[in-house]
Each structure stands twice: as C-alpha cells, then as structure tokens.
Amino acid sequence: ELENQLAIKSKTLDELKRSLALTGSTGQTPEALSLGATELCEMADSIVSQVAQLKTSMQSILEQWRIYDEAYAEVSLMTTRYLYCIDQCKRSVVSLEALENQVKTLQ
C-alpha cells in the first residue's frame, strides 16, 4: 500500500515538474522551482529505496517467525509426550489415597 502511495505521489510530482517547466508563471525563477522539484524527486527516490529495504527486512522477519512457530510446535509436542511418559513410568502406589488421586486425574 505504501509503495502504491509513493508511486502516485511520484507521478504527481513529475506532472507538477512538467507543468512548472511549461508555464513558468510563478514569482520564483524556473531554476529555483526546478531545483525544488529535483530535491523532492530525490527525497521520493530515497523513500522508495527505504521502503524496499523495509520490505526485504520484513520478509526476513516473517520467515524467522515461521521457523520459530514450527520449532515451538515441535517442542510443545515433544514436551507433552515426555510428560505423558514420565506420568506413565511412575511407580504405582498401592495406597487408597493414591488410587483416588489417580482416578481423579484420569477423570
């Protein structure tokens, strides 16, 4: 969206520059107007470059987050499996209280 807005502004700036070159009816000299328009074009080009760099950085960050999400899901699954195994490997206690707790846990 930002790239589209920049393209529109750049096109408007080019049209303004052409219009000023053709009319020259302002109080400023054409050279001064041309210099101001040139500076604006350079600033617009700089912003376009910065947006491109930002886009590249954001794509890299999104890829890193995707990798993190996959690793997190895998670790979470492994943790759940290990907890289940640990719970199943506990020594069975024969006391009534332990059996009641196990029944509650299973319910």
PDB file of N, CA and C in Angstrom:
ATOM      1  N   GLU A   1       0.836  -1.192   0.000  1.00  0.00           N
ATOM      2  CA  GLU A   1       0.000   0.000   0.000  1.00  0.00           C
ATOM      3  C   GLU A   1       0.879   1.253   0.000  1.00  0.00           C
ATOM      4  N   LEU A   2       1.919   1.220   0.835  1.00  0.00           N
ATOM      5  CA  LEU A   2       2.840   2.355   0.902  1.00  0.00           C
ATOM      6  C   LEU A   2       3.555   2.556  -0.431  1.00  0.00           C
ATOM      7  N   GLU A   3       3.927   1.452  -1.063  1.00  0.00           N
ATOM      8  CA  GLU A   3       4.567   1.550  -2.380  1.00  0.00           C
ATOM      9  C   GLU A   3       3.627   2.183  -3.402  1.00  0.00           C
ATOM     10  N   ASN A   4       2.358   1.819  -3.360  1.00  0.00           N
ATOM     11  CA  ASN A   4       1.381   2.392  -4.290  1.00  0.00           C
ATOM     12  C   ASN A   4       1.214   3.888  -4.054  1.00  0.00           C
ATOM     13  N   GLN A   5       1.140   4.291  -2.785  1.00  0.00           N
ATOM     14  CA  GLN A   5       1.011   5.712  -2.470  1.00  0.00           C
ATOM     15  C   GLN A   5       2.244   6.481  -2.951  1.00  0.00           C
ATOM     16  N   LEU A   6       3.425   5.891  -2.769  1.00  0.00           N
ATOM     17  CA  LEU A   6       4.650   6.549  -3.229  1.00  0.00           C
ATOM     18  C   LEU A   6       4.668   6.697  -4.753  1.00  0.00           C
ATOM     19  N   ALA A   7       4.199   5.677  -5.436  1.00  0.00           N
ATOM     20  CA  ALA A   7       4.154   5.746  -6.895  1.00  0.00           C
ATOM     21  C   ALA A   7       3.217   6.855  -7.360  1.00  0.00           C
ATOM     22  N   ILE A   8       2.074   6.970  -6.700  1.00  0.00           N
ATOM     23  CA  ILE A   8       1.110   8.024  -7.052  1.00  0.00           C
ATOM     24  C   ILE A   8       1.704   9.397  -6.793  1.00  0.00           C
ATOM     25  N   LYS A   9       2.344   9.571  -5.639  1.00  0.00           N
ATOM     26  CA  LYS A   9       2.960  10.869  -5.302  1.00  0.00           C
ATOM     27  C   LYS A   9       4.093  11.199  -6.255  1.00  0.00           C
ATOM     28  N   SER A  10       4.854  10.199  -6.632  1.00  0.00           N
ATOM     29  CA  SER A  10       5.951  10.417  -7.573  1.00  0.00           C
ATOM     30  C   SER A  10       5.418  10.852  -8.937  1.00  0.00           C
ATOM     31  N   LYS A  11       4.335  10.237  -9.374  1.00  0.00           N
ATOM     32  CA  LYS A  11       3.720  10.605 -10.647  1.00  0.00           C
ATOM     33  C   LYS A  11       3.191  12.040 -10.577  1.00  0.00           C
ATOM     34  N   THR A  12       2.549  12.384  -9.453  1.00  0.00           N
ATOM     35  CA  THR A  12       2.039  13.745  -9.268  1.00  0.00           C
ATOM     36  C   THR A  12       3.183  14.745  -9.273  1.00  0.00           C
ATOM     37  N   LEU A  13       4.284  14.397  -8.636  1.00  0.00           N
ATOM     38  CA  LEU A  13       5.455  15.271  -8.599  1.00  0.00           C
ATOM     39  C   LEU A  13       6.036  15.475  -9.994  1.00  0.00           C
ATOM     40  N   ASP A  14       6.103  14.413 -10.779  1.00  0.00           N
ATOM     41  CA  ASP A  14       6.592  14.534 -12.162  1.00  0.00           C
ATOM     42  C   ASP A  14       5.682  15.435 -12.992  1.00  0.00           C
ATOM     43  N   GLU A  15       4.365  15.288 -12.805  1.00  0.00           N
ATOM     44  CA  GLU A  15       3.421  16.135 -13.541  1.00  0.00           C
ATOM     45  C   GLU A  15       3.580  17.596 -13.136  1.00  0.00           C
ATOM     46  N   LEU A  16       3.769  17.833 -11.843  1.00  0.00           N
ATOM     47  CA  LEU A  16       3.982  19.190 -11.350  1.00  0.00           C
ATOM     48  C   LEU A  16       5.260  19.780 -11.926  1.00  0.00           C
ATOM     49  N   LYS A  17       6.296  18.978 -11.968  1.00  0.00           N
ATOM     50  CA  LYS A  17       7.572  19.434 -12.515  1.00  0.00           C
ATOM     51  C   LYS A  17       7.418  19.811 -13.994  1.00  0.00           C
ATOM     52  N   ARG A  18       6.718  18.968 -14.753  1.00  0.00           N
ATOM     53  CA  ARG A  18       6.488  19.269 -16.175  1.00  0.00           C
ATOM     54  C   ARG A  18       5.635  20.519 -16.335  1.00  0.00           C
ATOM     55  N   SER A  19       4.612  20.644 -15.485  1.00  0.00           N
ATOM     56  CA  SER A  19       3.727  21.797 -15.552  1.00  0.00           C
ATOM     57  C   SER A  19       4.488  23.087 -15.259  1.00  0.00           C
ATOM     58  N   LEU A  20       5.346  23.067 -14.279  1.00  0.00           N
ATOM     59  CA  LEU A  20       6.140  24.247 -13.934  1.00  0.00           C
ATOM     60  C   LEU A  20       7.123  24.591 -15.042  1.00  0.00           C
ATOM     61  N   ALA A  21       7.648  23.594 -15.685  1.00  0.00           N
ATOM     62  CA  ALA A  21       8.592  23.837 -16.768  1.00  0.00           C
ATOM     63  C   ALA A  21       7.883  24.494 -17.957  1.00  0.00           C
ATOM     64  N   LEU A  22       6.621  24.115 -18.163  1.00  0.00           N
ATOM     65  CA  LEU A  22       5.879  24.667 -19.300  1.00  0.00           C
ATOM     66  C   LEU A  22       5.361  26.076 -19.025  1.00  0.00           C
ATOM     67  N   THR A  23       4.822  26.318 -17.823  1.00  0.00           N
ATOM     68  CA  THR A  23       4.189  27.605 -17.559  1.00  0.00           C
ATOM     69  C   THR A  23       5.164  28.667 -17.098  1.00  0.00           C
ATOM     70  N   GLY A  24       5.908  28.391 -16.072  1.00  0.00           N
ATOM     71  CA  GLY A  24       6.860  29.369 -15.551  1.00  0.00           C
ATOM     72  C   GLY A  24       6.200  30.671 -15.123  1.00  0.00           C
ATOM     73  N   SER A  25       4.948  30.610 -14.644  1.00  0.00           N
ATOM     74  CA  SER A  25       4.200  31.829 -14.334  1.00  0.00           C
ATOM     75  C   SER A  25       4.206  32.187 -12.857  1.00  0.00           C
ATOM     76  N   THR A  26       5.092  31.617 -12.069  1.00  0.00           N
ATOM     77  CA  THR A  26       5.128  31.937 -10.649  1.00  0.00           C
ATOM     78  C   THR A  26       6.166  33.016 -10.395  1.00  0.00           C
ATOM     79  N   GLY A  27       6.186  33.518  -9.159  1.00  0.00           N
ATOM     80  CA  GLY A  27       7.112  34.581  -8.800  1.00  0.00           C
ATOM     81  C   GLY A  27       8.551  34.099  -8.712  1.00  0.00           C
ATOM     82  N   GLN A  28       8.764  32.779  -8.583  1.00  0.00           N
ATOM     83  CA  GLN A  28      10.117  32.249  -8.482  1.00  0.00           C
ATOM     84  C   GLN A  28      10.671  31.973  -9.870  1.00  0.00           C
ATOM     85  N   THR A  29      11.975  31.924  -9.936  1.00  0.00           N
ATOM     86  CA  THR A  29      12.611  31.630 -11.219  1.00  0.00           C
ATOM     87  C   THR A  29      12.425  30.158 -11.549  1.00  0.00           C
ATOM     88  N   PRO A  30      12.407  29.822 -12.813  1.00  0.00           N
ATOM     89  CA  PRO A  30      12.255  28.411 -13.193  1.00  0.00           C
ATOM     90  C   PRO A  30      13.378  27.537 -12.637  1.00  0.00           C
ATOM     91  N   GLU A  31      14.567  28.110 -12.525  1.00  0.00           N
ATOM     92  CA  GLU A  31      15.689  27.332 -11.991  1.00  0.00           C
ATOM     93  C   GLU A  31      15.435  26.952 -10.522  1.00  0.00           C
ATOM     94  N   ALA A  32      14.901  27.904  -9.745  1.00  0.00           N
ATOM     95  CA  ALA A  32      14.620  27.648  -8.333  1.00  0.00           C
ATOM     96  C   ALA A  32      13.520  26.598  -8.197  1.00  0.00           C
ATOM     97  N   LEU A  33      12.494  26.713  -9.037  1.00  0.00           N
ATOM     98  CA  LEU A  33      11.410  25.728  -8.991  1.00  0.00           C
ATOM     99  C   LEU A  33      11.917  24.359  -9.409  1.00  0.00           C
ATOM    100  N   SER A  34      12.746  24.326 -10.416  1.00  0.00           N
ATOM    101  CA  SER A  34      13.294  23.071 -10.901  1.00  0.00           C
ATOM    102  C   SER A  34      14.173  22.434  -9.832  1.00  0.00           C
ATOM    103  N   LEU A  35      14.958  23.268  -9.143  1.00  0.00           N
ATOM    104  CA  LEU A  35      15.817  22.762  -8.069  1.00  0.00           C
ATOM    105  C   LEU A  35      14.963  22.171  -6.947  1.00  0.00           C
ATOM    106  N   GLY A  36      13.869  22.858  -6.568  1.00  0.00           N
ATOM    107  CA  GLY A  36      12.979  22.338  -5.522  1.00  0.00           C
ATOM    108  C   GLY A  36      12.329  21.039  -5.944  1.00  0.00           C
ATOM    109  N   ALA A  37      11.896  20.963  -7.186  1.00  0.00           N
ATOM    110  CA  ALA A  37      11.272  19.738  -7.694  1.00  0.00           C
ATOM    111  C   ALA A  37      12.289  18.610  -7.750  1.00  0.00           C
ATOM    112  N   THR A  38      13.523  18.936  -8.124  1.00  0.00           N
ATOM    113  CA  THR A  38      14.574  17.919  -8.172  1.00  0.00           C
ATOM    114  C   THR A  38      14.854  17.370  -6.780  1.00  0.00           C
ATOM    115  N   GLU A  39      14.905  18.261  -5.794  1.00  0.00           N
ATOM    116  CA  GLU A  39      15.117  17.813  -4.411  1.00  0.00           C
ATOM    117  C   GLU A  39      13.975  16.918  -3.952  1.00  0.00           C
ATOM    118  N   LEU A  40      12.752  17.284  -4.326  1.00  0.00           N
ATOM    119  CA  LEU A  40      11.603  16.448  -3.963  1.00  0.00           C
ATOM    120  C   LEU A  40      11.692  15.073  -4.624  1.00  0.00           C
ATOM    121  N   CYS A  41      12.123  15.044  -5.880  1.00  0.00           N
ATOM    122  CA  CYS A  41      12.281  13.761  -6.575  1.00  0.00           C
ATOM    123  C   CYS A  41      13.337  12.896  -5.892  1.00  0.00           C
ATOM    124  N   GLU A  42      14.442  13.536  -5.488  1.00  0.00           N
ATOM    125  CA  GLU A  42      15.496  12.792  -4.794  1.00  0.00           C
ATOM    126  C   GLU A  42      14.992  12.242  -3.464  1.00  0.00           C
ATOM    127  N   MET A  43      14.209  13.051  -2.750  1.00  0.00           N
ATOM    128  CA  MET A  43      13.641  12.595  -1.484  1.00  0.00           C
ATOM    129  C   MET A  43      12.679  11.432  -1.716  1.00  0.00           C
ATOM    130  N   ALA A  44      11.873  11.542  -2.767  1.00  0.00           N
ATOM    131  CA  ALA A  44      10.932  10.462  -3.088  1.00  0.00           C
ATOM    132  C   ALA A  44      11.684   9.189  -3.444  1.00  0.00           C
ATOM    133  N   ASP A  45      12.766   9.314  -4.219  1.00  0.00           N
ATOM    134  CA  ASP A  45      13.572   8.145  -4.571  1.00  0.00           C
ATOM    135  C   ASP A  45      14.187   7.516  -3.320  1.00  0.00           C
ATOM    136  N   SER A  46      14.625   8.364  -2.404  1.00  0.00           N
ATOM    137  CA  SER A  46      15.196   7.871  -1.149  1.00  0.00           C
ATOM    138  C   SER A  46      14.151   7.104  -0.347  1.00  0.00           C
ATOM    139  N   ILE A  47      12.942   7.633  -0.305  1.00  0.00           N
ATOM    140  CA  ILE A  47      11.862   6.964   0.435  1.00  0.00           C
ATOM    141  C   ILE A  47      11.515   5.635  -0.225  1.00  0.00           C
ATOM    142  N   VAL A  48      11.480   5.614  -1.546  1.00  0.00           N
ATOM    143  CA  VAL A  48      11.197   4.363  -2.259  1.00  0.00           C
ATOM    144  C   VAL A  48      12.265   3.321  -1.919  1.00  0.00           C
ATOM    145  N   SER A  49      13.505   3.750  -1.870  1.00  0.00           N
ATOM    146  CA  SER A  49      14.600   2.843  -1.517  1.00  0.00           C
ATOM    147  C   SER A  49      14.451   2.326  -0.086  1.00  0.00           C
ATOM    148  N   GLN A  50      14.088   3.213   0.829  1.00  0.00           N
ATOM    149  CA  GLN A  50      13.907   2.810   2.222  1.00  0.00           C
ATOM    150  C   GLN A  50      12.748   1.829   2.364  1.00  0.00           C
ATOM    151  N   VAL A  51      11.679   2.059   1.612  1.00  0.00           N
ATOM    152  CA  VAL A  51      10.527   1.143   1.655  1.00  0.00           C
ATOM    153  C   VAL A  51      10.931  -0.228   1.128  1.00  0.00           C
ATOM    154  N   ALA A  52      11.744  -0.266   0.075  1.00  0.00           N
ATOM    155  CA  ALA A  52      12.210  -1.543  -0.464  1.00  0.00           C
ATOM    156  C   ALA A  52      13.059  -2.284   0.568  1.00  0.00           C
ATOM    157  N   GLN A  53      13.930  -1.554   1.263  1.00  0.00           N
ATOM    158  CA  GLN A  53      14.747  -2.172   2.305  1.00  0.00           C
ATOM    159  C   GLN A  53      13.872  -2.685   3.449  1.00  0.00           C
ATOM    160  N   LEU A  54      12.874  -1.902   3.819  1.00  0.00           N
ATOM    161  CA  LEU A  54      11.951  -2.305   4.886  1.00  0.00           C
ATOM    162  C   LEU A  54      11.182  -3.562   4.484  1.00  0.00           C
ATOM    163  N   LYS A  55      10.760  -3.613   3.237  1.00  0.00           N
ATOM    164  CA  LYS A  55      10.021  -4.772   2.747  1.00  0.00           C
ATOM    165  C   LYS A  55      10.896  -6.024   2.825  1.00  0.00           C
ATOM    166  N   THR A  56      12.163  -5.904   2.426  1.00  0.00           N
ATOM    167  CA  THR A  56      13.089  -7.027   2.490  1.00  0.00           C
ATOM    168  C   THR A  56      13.290  -7.476   3.937  1.00  0.00           C
ATOM    169  N   SER A  57      13.464  -6.509   4.826  1.00  0.00           N
ATOM    170  CA  SER A  57      13.646  -6.829   6.251  1.00  0.00           C
ATOM    171  C   SER A  57      12.408  -7.523   6.813  1.00  0.00           C
ATOM    172  N   MET A  58      11.239  -7.023   6.457  1.00  0.00           N
ATOM    173  CA  MET A  58      10.002  -7.613   6.971  1.00  0.00           C
ATOM    174  C   MET A  58       9.823  -9.042   6.464  1.00  0.00           C
ATOM    175  N   GLN A  59      10.194  -9.304   5.212  1.00  0.00           N
ATOM    176  CA  GLN A  59      10.083 -10.656   4.685  1.00  0.00           C
ATOM    177  C   GLN A  59      11.014 -11.599   5.446  1.00  0.00           C
ATOM    178  N   SER A  60      12.205 -11.114   5.754  1.00  0.00           N
ATOM    179  CA  SER A  60      13.149 -11.912   6.528  1.00  0.00           C
ATOM    180  C   SER A  60      12.605 -12.189   7.923  1.00  0.00           C
ATOM    181  N   ILE A  61      12.035 -11.181   8.545  1.00  0.00           N
ATOM    182  CA  ILE A  61      11.471 -11.339   9.892  1.00  0.00           C
ATOM    183  C   ILE A  61      10.303 -12.321   9.871  1.00  0.00           C
ATOM    184  N   LEU A  62       9.449 -12.226   8.861  1.00  0.00           N
ATOM    185  CA  LEU A  62       8.317 -13.156   8.759  1.00  0.00           C
ATOM    186  C   LEU A  62       8.802 -14.597   8.592  1.00  0.00           C
ATOM    187  N   GLU A  63       9.868 -14.781   7.824  1.00  0.00           N
ATOM    188  CA  GLU A  63      10.428 -16.119   7.641  1.00  0.00           C
ATOM    189  C   GLU A  63      10.979 -16.649   8.966  1.00  0.00           C
ATOM    190  N   GLN A  64      11.648 -15.793   9.729  1.00  0.00           N
ATOM    191  CA  GLN A  64      12.173 -16.195  11.035  1.00  0.00           C
ATOM    192  C   GLN A  64      11.038 -16.575  11.986  1.00  0.00           C
ATOM    193  N   TRP A  65       9.944 -15.812  11.968  1.00  0.00           N
ATOM    194  CA  TRP A  65       8.791 -16.141  12.821  1.00  0.00           C
ATOM    195  C   TRP A  65       8.170 -17.469  12.409  1.00  0.00           C
ATOM    196  N   ARG A  66       8.123 -17.745  11.118  1.00  0.00           N
ATOM    197  CA  ARG A  66       7.574 -19.018  10.638  1.00  0.00           C
ATOM    198  C   ARG A  66       8.427 -20.180  11.163  1.00  0.00           C
ATOM    199  N   ILE A  67       9.742 -20.028  11.085  1.00  0.00           N
ATOM    200  CA  ILE A  67      10.647 -21.056  11.590  1.00  0.00           C
ATOM    201  C   ILE A  67      10.450 -21.236  13.098  1.00  0.00           C
ATOM    202  N   TYR A  68      10.323 -20.111  13.809  1.00  0.00           N
ATOM    203  CA  TYR A  68      10.101 -20.171  15.262  1.00  0.00           C
ATOM    204  C   TYR A  68       8.803 -20.898  15.587  1.00  0.00           C
ATOM    205  N   ASP A  69       7.728 -20.582  14.883  1.00  0.00           N
ATOM    206  CA  ASP A  69       6.438 -21.230  15.140  1.00  0.00           C
ATOM    207  C   ASP A  69       6.515 -22.738  14.926  1.00  0.00           C
ATOM    208  N   GLU A  70       7.216 -23.158  13.869  1.00  0.00           N
ATOM    209  CA  GLU A  70       7.360 -24.590  13.611  1.00  0.00           C
ATOM    210  C   GLU A  70       8.149 -25.265  14.730  1.00  0.00           C
ATOM    211  N   ALA A  71       9.250 -24.631  15.145  1.00  0.00           N
ATOM    212  CA  ALA A  71      10.070 -25.198  16.216  1.00  0.00           C
ATOM    213  C   ALA A  71       9.288 -25.239  17.533  1.00  0.00           C
ATOM    214  N   TYR A  72       8.526 -24.187  17.807  1.00  0.00           N
ATOM    215  CA  TYR A  72       7.731 -24.140  19.041  1.00  0.00           C
ATOM    216  C   TYR A  72       6.695 -25.261  19.060  1.00  0.00           C
ATOM    217  N   ALA A  73       6.031 -25.482  17.937  1.00  0.00           N
ATOM    218  CA  ALA A  73       5.021 -26.545  17.870  1.00  0.00           C
ATOM    219  C   ALA A  73       5.668 -27.907  18.102  1.00  0.00           C
ATOM    220  N   GLU A  74       6.843 -28.103  17.525  1.00  0.00           N
ATOM    221  CA  GLU A  74       7.537 -29.376  17.696  1.00  0.00           C
ATOM    222  C   GLU A  74       7.969 -29.581  19.153  1.00  0.00           C
ATOM    223  N   VAL A  75       8.530 -28.551  19.758  1.00  0.00           N
ATOM    224  CA  VAL A  75       8.956 -28.639  21.159  1.00  0.00           C
ATOM    225  C   VAL A  75       7.759 -28.857  22.074  1.00  0.00           C
ATOM    226  N   SER A  76       6.673 -28.188  21.803  1.00  0.00           N
ATOM    227  CA  SER A  76       5.468 -28.359  22.615  1.00  0.00           C
ATOM    228  C   SER A  76       4.957 -29.794  22.536  1.00  0.00           C
ATOM    229  N   LEU A  77       4.946 -30.354  21.343  1.00  0.00           N
ATOM    230  CA  LEU A  77       4.505 -31.742  21.179  1.00  0.00           C
ATOM    231  C   LEU A  77       5.438 -32.696  21.910  1.00  0.00           C
ATOM    232  N   MET A  78       6.737 -32.491  21.779  1.00  0.00           N
ATOM    233  CA  MET A  78       7.706 -33.350  22.460  1.00  0.00           C
ATOM    234  C   MET A  78       7.554 -33.245  23.980  1.00  0.00           C
ATOM    235  N   THR A  79       7.339 -32.042  24.482  1.00  0.00           N
ATOM    236  CA  THR A  79       7.160 -31.846  25.926  1.00  0.00           C
ATOM    237  C   THR A  79       5.934 -32.600  26.427  1.00  0.00           C
ATOM    238  N   THR A  80       4.860 -32.507  25.672  1.00  0.00           N
ATOM    239  CA  THR A  80       3.635 -33.218  26.050  1.00  0.00           C
ATOM    240  C   THR A  80       3.878 -34.724  26.075  1.00  0.00           C
ATOM    241  N   ARG A  81       4.598 -35.235  25.083  1.00  0.00           N
ATOM    242  CA  ARG A  81       4.904 -36.673  25.050  1.00  0.00           C
ATOM    243  C   ARG A  81       5.758 -37.090  26.244  1.00  0.00           C
ATOM    244  N   TYR A  82       6.780 -36.289  26.548  1.00  0.00           N
ATOM    245  CA  TYR A  82       7.651 -36.616  27.672  1.00  0.00           C
ATOM    246  C   TYR A  82       6.897 -36.579  28.992  1.00  0.00           C
ATOM    247  N   LEU A  83       6.036 -35.602  29.159  1.00  0.00           N
ATOM    248  CA  LEU A  83       5.246 -35.530  30.394  1.00  0.00           C
ATOM    249  C   LEU A  83       4.341 -36.752  30.522  1.00  0.00           C
ATOM    250  N   TYR A  84       3.772 -37.175  29.423  1.00  0.00           N
ATOM    251  CA  TYR A  84       2.920 -38.373  29.437  1.00  0.00           C
ATOM    252  C   TYR A  84       3.747 -39.603  29.817  1.00  0.00           C
ATOM    253  N   CYS A  85       4.930 -39.728  29.206  1.00  0.00           N
ATOM    254  CA  CYS A  85       5.797 -40.874  29.507  1.00  0.00           C
ATOM    255  C   CYS A  85       6.229 -40.874  30.968  1.00  0.00           C
ATOM    256  N   ILE A  86       6.606 -39.726  31.480  1.00  0.00           N
ATOM    257  CA  ILE A  86       7.014 -39.624  32.875  1.00  0.00           C
ATOM    258  C   ILE A  86       5.858 -40.005  33.791  1.00  0.00           C
ATOM    259  N   ASP A  87       4.672 -39.539  33.449  1.00  0.00           N
ATOM    260  CA  ASP A  87       3.496 -39.858  34.266  1.00  0.00           C
ATOM    261  C   ASP A  87       3.217 -41.356  34.242  1.00  0.00           C
ATOM    262  N   GLN A  88       3.407 -42.007  33.106  1.00  0.00           N
ATOM    263  CA  GLN A  88       3.142 -43.436  32.983  1.00  0.00           C
ATOM    264  C   GLN A  88       4.223 -44.287  33.648  1.00  0.00           C
ATOM    265  N   CYS A  89       5.427 -43.745  33.767  1.00  0.00           N
ATOM    266  CA  CYS A  89       6.541 -44.513  34.314  1.00  0.00           C
ATOM    267  C   CYS A  89       6.671 -44.403  35.829  1.00  0.00           C
ATOM    268  N   LYS A  90       5.844 -43.656  36.470  1.00  0.00           N
ATOM    269  CA  LYS A  90       5.911 -43.527  37.926  1.00  0.00           C
ATOM    270  C   LYS A  90       5.595 -44.874  38.580  1.00  0.00           C
ATOM    271  N   ARG A  91       6.248 -45.077  39.708  1.00  0.00           N
ATOM    272  CA  ARG A  91       5.940 -46.302  40.451  1.00  0.00           C
ATOM    273  C   ARG A  91       4.491 -46.243  40.923  1.00  0.00           C
ATOM    274  N   SER A  92       3.830 -47.331  40.791  1.00  0.00           N
ATOM    275  CA  SER A  92       2.442 -47.353  41.260  1.00  0.00           C
ATOM    276  C   SER A  92       2.426 -47.489  42.776  1.00  0.00           C
ATOM    277  N   VAL A  93       1.617 -46.665  43.403  1.00  0.00           N
ATOM    278  CA  VAL A  93       1.479 -46.687  44.853  1.00  0.00           C
ATOM    279  C   VAL A  93       0.168 -47.379  45.161  1.00  0.00           C
ATOM    280  N   VAL A  94       0.195 -48.234  46.130  1.00  0.00           N
ATOM    281  CA  VAL A  94      -0.957 -49.074  46.403  1.00  0.00           C
ATOM    282  C   VAL A  94      -1.921 -48.418  47.393  1.00  0.00           C
ATOM    283  N   SER A  95      -1.589 -47.314  47.958  1.00  0.00           N
ATOM    284  CA  SER A  95      -2.457 -46.717  48.968  1.00  0.00           C
ATOM    285  C   SER A  95      -3.776 -46.262  48.349  1.00  0.00           C
ATOM    286  N   LEU A  96      -4.792 -46.231  49.159  1.00  0.00           N
ATOM    287  CA  LEU A  96      -6.126 -45.829  48.716  1.00  0.00           C
ATOM    288  C   LEU A  96      -6.127 -44.371  48.239  1.00  0.00           C
ATOM    289  N   GLU A  97      -5.436 -43.527  48.957  1.00  0.00           N
ATOM    290  CA  GLU A  97      -5.374 -42.100  48.594  1.00  0.00           C
ATOM    291  C   GLU A  97      -4.732 -41.909  47.217  1.00  0.00           C
ATOM    292  N   ALA A  98      -3.676 -42.649  46.948  1.00  0.00           N
ATOM    293  CA  ALA A  98      -3.003 -42.553  45.657  1.00  0.00           C
ATOM    294  C   ALA A  98      -3.918 -43.021  44.531  1.00  0.00           C
ATOM    295  N   LEU A  99      -4.641 -44.101  44.789  1.00  0.00           N
ATOM    296  CA  LEU A  99      -5.572 -44.595  43.775  1.00  0.00           C
ATOM    297  C   LEU A  99      -6.703 -43.596  43.526  1.00  0.00           C
ATOM    298  N   GLU A 100      -7.215 -42.977  44.590  1.00  0.00           N
ATOM    299  CA  GLU A 100      -8.259 -41.960  44.413  1.00  0.00           C
ATOM    300  C   GLU A 100      -7.738 -40.777  43.596  1.00  0.00           C
ATOM    301  N   ASN A 101      -6.502 -40.358  43.878  1.00  0.00           N
ATOM    302  CA  ASN A 101      -5.893 -39.252  43.108  1.00  0.00           C
ATOM    303  C   ASN A 101      -5.731 -39.639  41.643  1.00  0.00           C
ATOM    304  N   GLN A 102      -5.331 -40.872  41.415  1.00  0.00           N
ATOM    305  CA  GLN A 102      -5.163 -41.321  40.020  1.00  0.00           C
ATOM    306  C   GLN A 102      -6.518 -41.357  39.302  1.00  0.00           C
ATOM    307  N   VAL A 103      -7.554 -41.792  39.972  1.00  0.00           N
ATOM    308  CA  VAL A 103      -8.902 -41.815  39.388  1.00  0.00           C
ATOM    309  C   VAL A 103      -9.338 -40.391  39.060  1.00  0.00           C
ATOM    310  N   LYS A 104      -9.100 -39.452  39.985  1.00  0.00           N
ATOM    311  CA  LYS A 104      -9.444 -38.052  39.729  1.00  0.00           C
ATOM    312  C   LYS A 104      -8.683 -37.492  38.536  1.00  0.00           C
ATOM    313  N   THR A 105      -7.416 -37.852  38.457  1.00  0.00           N
ATOM    314  CA  THR A 105      -6.589 -37.382  37.341  1.00  0.00           C
ATOM    315  C   THR A 105      -7.115 -37.927  36.020  1.00  0.00           C
ATOM    316  N   LEU A 106      -7.458 -39.194  36.000  1.00  0.00           N
ATOM    317  CA  LEU A 106      -7.969 -39.812  34.766  1.00  0.00           C
ATOM    318  C   LEU A 106      -9.331 -39.254  34.380  1.00  0.00           C
ATOM    319  N   GLN A 107     -10.138 -38.901  35.385  1.00  0.00           N
ATOM    320  CA  GLN A 107     -11.465 -38.340  35.069  1.00  0.00           C
ATOM    321  C   GLN A 107     -11.289 -36.976  34.464  1.00  0.00           C
TER     322      GLN A 107
END
